[in-house]
Amino acid sequence: MSHDSRATSFDRFHDCRSLLAQAARTTPSQLSGETSSHVLQRAPLARLCDALDAMFEACVKFPEPSDSTFFARSLRLALAQAATDPAFLTPAQREGSAENYRRHLLAADPHGRYAIAALVWQPRQMSPVHAHHTWCGYAVLEGTLSETVFDWDGARHCASATRVQARKQGAVSFVRGGRGGIHRLGNDSEAPAVSLHIYGVSGAQIATHVNDVVRADASPTLV
């Protein structure tokens, strides 16, 4: 990469950091005079969408924006910033389900570039073992999740667990699409947990074009 290219990438990353910092400093009285409670509740989400739009604009020359280091760093930063805001979700968006973890679609890019969702995990609820068809990132907003990481064995067409890690409030993760990022998320605690997820799909595809569910070995318990 040339010096000019490195400088441009740094400038774009700095601009995105500045946008997020400005959003964090915004107060309700600065929201263009809009004072309804509905608008105030949605403000943190709107700021996140603004940051994502800026990221895509900065990566417009990349055939696949998520392949750039700038995109990965900026998405982690955006998620980390969102995780610090206790008002990011409304009470209704924190409601769970007794049957399985519950997904709330929060926002969908009109150009189909991303969808944002909150996942609510009751105790002992977990996802299937899965890779991703697309890039995705998440942050833990409340509680603690347990993440099991797997390696893919293409010869045997199955995944093997390699480690388990606790993902506490504020933890952030980003992975690109493909079976190099297989995992399972779950709530092993006795209290509900909430996570914020951003996927590189349209809102209509969030249930069908994100998870690539894979077969896993019956592995011993990892610690």
Protein backbone atom coordinates (compact mmCIF):
# COMPACT_ATOMS: atom_id res chain seq x y z
CA MET A 1 0.00 0.00 0.00
CA SER A 2 1.35 3.45 -0.90
CA HIS A 3 1.94 6.25 1.61
CA ASP A 4 -0.99 8.17 0.11
CA SER A 5 -3.29 5.15 0.46
CA ARG A 6 -2.27 4.67 4.09
CA ALA A 7 -2.86 8.34 4.79
CA THR A 8 -6.30 8.22 3.20
CA SER A 9 -7.29 5.16 5.23
CA PHE A 10 -6.08 6.85 8.42
CA ASP A 11 -8.01 10.02 7.62
CA ARG A 12 -11.20 8.03 7.01
CA PHE A 13 -10.75 6.12 10.26
CA HIS A 14 -10.15 9.41 12.11
CA ASP A 15 -13.27 10.94 10.54
CA CYS A 16 -15.37 7.96 11.64
CA ARG A 17 -13.96 8.17 15.18
CA SER A 18 -14.81 11.87 15.22
CA LEU A 19 -18.38 11.14 14.08
CA LEU A 20 -18.84 8.62 16.87
CA ALA A 21 -17.33 10.93 19.47
CA GLN A 22 -19.63 13.75 18.35
CA ALA A 23 -22.64 11.43 18.57
CA ALA A 24 -21.68 10.45 22.11
CA ARG A 25 -21.58 14.12 23.14
CA THR A 26 -24.96 14.94 21.60
CA THR A 27 -27.61 15.79 24.18
CA PRO A 28 -31.40 15.68 23.80
CA SER A 29 -31.55 19.49 23.60
CA GLN A 30 -29.34 19.40 20.49
CA LEU A 31 -31.63 17.15 18.45
CA SER A 32 -32.85 19.83 16.02
CA GLY A 33 -35.52 20.94 18.45
CA GLU A 34 -37.27 17.57 18.37
CA THR A 35 -38.39 16.76 21.89
CA SER A 36 -40.81 13.86 21.67
CA SER A 37 -39.90 10.85 23.81
CA HIS A 38 -40.10 8.61 20.76
CA VAL A 39 -37.44 10.62 18.93
CA LEU A 40 -35.23 10.76 22.01
CA GLN A 41 -35.40 6.98 22.42
CA ARG A 42 -34.42 6.44 18.79
CA ALA A 43 -31.57 8.95 18.80
CA PRO A 44 -28.77 6.49 19.77
CA LEU A 45 -29.87 4.10 17.02
CA ALA A 46 -29.98 6.93 14.49
CA ARG A 47 -26.43 7.90 15.45
CA LEU A 48 -25.28 4.32 14.94
CA CYS A 49 -26.86 4.28 11.48
CA ASP A 50 -25.07 7.56 10.68
CA ALA A 51 -21.75 5.99 11.67
CA LEU A 52 -22.42 2.90 9.52
CA ASP A 53 -23.36 5.05 6.54
CA ALA A 54 -20.11 6.99 6.96
CA MET A 55 -18.14 3.73 7.06
CA PHE A 56 -19.66 2.52 3.81
CA GLU A 57 -19.05 5.87 2.17
CA ALA A 58 -15.40 5.77 3.22
CA CYS A 59 -15.06 2.23 1.79
CA VAL A 60 -16.90 2.91 -1.47
CA LYS A 61 -13.86 1.92 -3.56
CA PHE A 62 -13.61 -1.54 -1.99
CA PRO A 63 -15.45 -4.34 -3.86
CA GLU A 64 -16.28 -5.78 -0.44
CA PRO A 65 -16.06 -3.09 2.30
CA SER A 66 -15.78 -5.62 5.14
CA ASP A 67 -12.47 -6.87 3.71
CA SER A 68 -10.79 -3.61 4.72
CA THR A 69 -9.09 -3.18 8.09
CA PHE A 70 -10.68 0.25 8.33
CA PHE A 71 -14.19 -1.25 8.16
CA ALA A 72 -13.48 -3.87 10.84
CA ARG A 73 -11.95 -1.34 13.25
CA SER A 74 -14.71 1.20 12.66
CA LEU A 75 -17.48 -1.35 13.19
CA ARG A 76 -15.95 -2.46 16.49
CA LEU A 77 -15.71 1.18 17.53
CA ALA A 78 -19.34 1.83 16.60
CA LEU A 79 -20.51 -1.21 18.55
CA ALA A 80 -18.40 -0.31 21.57
CA GLN A 81 -19.85 3.20 21.56
CA ALA A 82 -23.40 1.87 21.36
CA ALA A 83 -22.75 -0.52 24.26
CA THR A 84 -21.97 2.41 26.57
CA ASP A 85 -25.44 3.95 26.12
CA PRO A 86 -27.96 2.56 28.65
CA ALA A 87 -30.80 4.16 26.66
CA PHE A 88 -29.91 2.44 23.39
CA LEU A 89 -32.87 0.03 23.62
CA THR A 90 -36.45 0.66 24.65
CA PRO A 91 -38.08 -1.64 27.26
CA ALA A 92 -40.00 -3.40 24.48
CA GLN A 93 -36.72 -4.14 22.66
CA ARG A 94 -35.43 -5.88 25.80
CA GLU A 95 -38.31 -8.34 25.99
CA GLY A 96 -37.35 -12.00 25.69
CA SER A 97 -39.11 -15.27 24.96
CA ALA A 98 -39.45 -18.41 27.06
CA GLU A 99 -38.98 -20.68 24.01
CA ASN A 100 -35.74 -19.37 22.49
CA TYR A 101 -33.58 -16.29 22.30
CA ARG A 102 -35.57 -13.44 20.76
CA ARG A 103 -34.45 -11.17 17.95
CA HIS A 104 -35.73 -7.59 17.60
CA LEU A 105 -35.03 -5.94 14.25
CA LEU A 106 -34.06 -2.36 15.12
CA ALA A 107 -33.09 -0.85 11.77
CA ALA A 108 -32.55 -1.86 8.15
CA ASP A 109 -30.48 0.13 5.68
CA PRO A 110 -32.69 1.21 2.74
CA HIS A 111 -29.84 0.21 0.39
CA GLY A 112 -29.70 -3.31 1.84
CA ARG A 113 -26.14 -2.94 3.16
CA TYR A 114 -26.84 -3.80 6.79
CA ALA A 115 -29.45 -4.71 9.39
CA ILE A 116 -29.27 -4.02 13.12
CA ALA A 117 -30.90 -6.27 15.70
CA ALA A 118 -31.06 -6.78 19.45
CA LEU A 119 -30.98 -10.36 20.74
CA VAL A 120 -32.46 -11.12 24.15
CA TRP A 121 -31.22 -14.27 25.88
CA GLN A 122 -33.01 -15.83 28.82
CA PRO A 123 -30.96 -18.14 31.07
CA ARG A 124 -29.81 -21.35 29.31
CA GLN A 125 -30.81 -20.17 25.84
CA MET A 126 -28.22 -20.53 23.08
CA SER A 127 -27.73 -20.33 19.34
CA PRO A 128 -26.90 -23.31 17.13
CA VAL A 129 -23.28 -23.84 16.13
CA HIS A 130 -22.90 -21.66 13.07
CA ALA A 131 -20.65 -19.74 10.73
CA HIS A 132 -21.88 -16.72 8.78
CA HIS A 133 -22.80 -16.16 5.16
CA THR A 134 -21.96 -12.48 5.64
CA TRP A 135 -19.87 -10.23 7.88
CA CYS A 136 -21.32 -9.50 11.28
CA GLY A 137 -20.43 -7.90 14.56
CA TYR A 138 -21.94 -7.86 18.01
CA ALA A 139 -21.60 -6.19 21.39
CA VAL A 140 -22.93 -7.36 24.75
CA LEU A 141 -25.23 -4.67 26.13
CA GLU A 142 -26.33 -6.38 29.33
CA GLY A 143 -25.34 -9.46 31.29
CA THR A 144 -22.78 -12.06 30.22
CA LEU A 145 -22.80 -14.43 27.25
CA SER A 146 -20.73 -17.55 26.77
CA GLU A 147 -19.08 -17.94 23.36
CA THR A 148 -17.74 -21.28 22.16
CA VAL A 149 -15.31 -21.02 19.24
CA PHE A 150 -14.91 -23.85 16.71
CA ASP A 151 -12.49 -24.89 13.98
CA TRP A 152 -13.88 -26.26 10.71
CA ASP A 153 -12.68 -29.65 9.44
CA GLY A 154 -13.46 -29.64 5.73
CA ALA A 155 -12.45 -33.29 5.28
CA ARG A 156 -14.96 -34.49 7.88
CA HIS A 157 -17.49 -31.70 7.27
CA CYS A 158 -17.86 -30.86 10.94
CA ALA A 159 -16.69 -28.34 13.50
CA SER A 160 -14.66 -28.98 16.65
CA ALA A 161 -14.77 -26.75 19.73
CA THR A 162 -11.47 -25.12 20.62
CA ARG A 163 -12.27 -22.77 23.49
CA VAL A 164 -15.03 -21.16 25.55
CA GLN A 165 -14.87 -17.56 26.65
CA ALA A 166 -17.10 -15.35 28.78
CA ARG A 167 -18.31 -12.26 26.90
CA LYS A 168 -19.21 -9.67 29.52
CA GLN A 169 -21.04 -6.38 29.15
CA GLY A 170 -19.14 -4.19 26.69
CA ALA A 171 -17.43 -7.07 24.87
CA VAL A 172 -17.27 -6.55 21.10
CA SER A 173 -16.64 -8.97 18.23
CA PHE A 174 -16.42 -8.78 14.44
CA VAL A 175 -16.06 -11.61 11.90
CA ARG A 176 -16.10 -11.77 8.13
CA GLY A 177 -18.25 -14.27 6.28
CA GLY A 178 -17.11 -17.87 5.91
CA ARG A 179 -16.33 -20.91 8.05
CA GLY A 180 -13.24 -19.33 9.53
CA GLY A 181 -15.48 -17.79 12.19
CA ILE A 182 -17.64 -20.61 13.59
CA HIS A 183 -19.09 -20.11 17.05
CA ARG A 184 -22.04 -20.61 19.37
CA LEU A 185 -23.41 -17.94 21.67
CA GLY A 186 -25.39 -18.76 24.76
CA ASN A 187 -26.46 -17.52 28.17
CA ASP A 188 -25.09 -19.79 30.89
CA SER A 189 -25.95 -17.36 33.67
CA GLU A 190 -29.04 -17.10 35.83
CA ALA A 191 -29.96 -13.61 34.56
CA PRO A 192 -31.12 -12.39 31.14
CA ALA A 193 -28.55 -11.02 28.70
CA VAL A 194 -28.91 -8.66 25.75
CA SER A 195 -26.63 -8.25 22.74
CA LEU A 196 -26.56 -5.88 19.78
CA HIS A 197 -25.83 -7.34 16.33
CA ILE A 198 -25.08 -5.79 12.95
CA TYR A 199 -25.25 -7.99 9.85
CA GLY A 200 -24.27 -7.31 6.26
CA VAL A 201 -27.70 -8.15 4.83
CA SER A 202 -30.99 -6.42 4.20
CA GLY A 203 -33.65 -6.46 6.90
CA ALA A 204 -35.72 -8.98 4.94
CA GLN A 205 -32.79 -11.44 4.88
CA ILE A 206 -31.83 -11.35 8.54
CA ALA A 207 -33.49 -14.68 9.37
CA THR A 208 -32.33 -16.54 6.24
CA HIS A 209 -29.01 -15.15 4.96
CA VAL A 210 -26.91 -14.71 8.10
CA ASN A 211 -26.31 -18.00 9.93
CA ASP A 212 -24.64 -20.97 8.25
CA VAL A 213 -25.57 -23.75 10.69
CA VAL A 214 -22.94 -26.52 10.76
CA ARG A 215 -22.53 -29.95 12.34
CA ALA A 216 -20.29 -30.09 15.38
CA ASP A 217 -18.38 -32.88 17.08
CA ALA A 218 -19.62 -34.12 20.43
CA SER A 219 -16.65 -32.52 22.15
CA PRO A 220 -15.78 -32.70 25.84
CA THR A 221 -16.61 -29.68 27.99
CA LEU A 222 -14.06 -26.92 27.53
CA VAL A 223 -12.94 -24.55 30.24
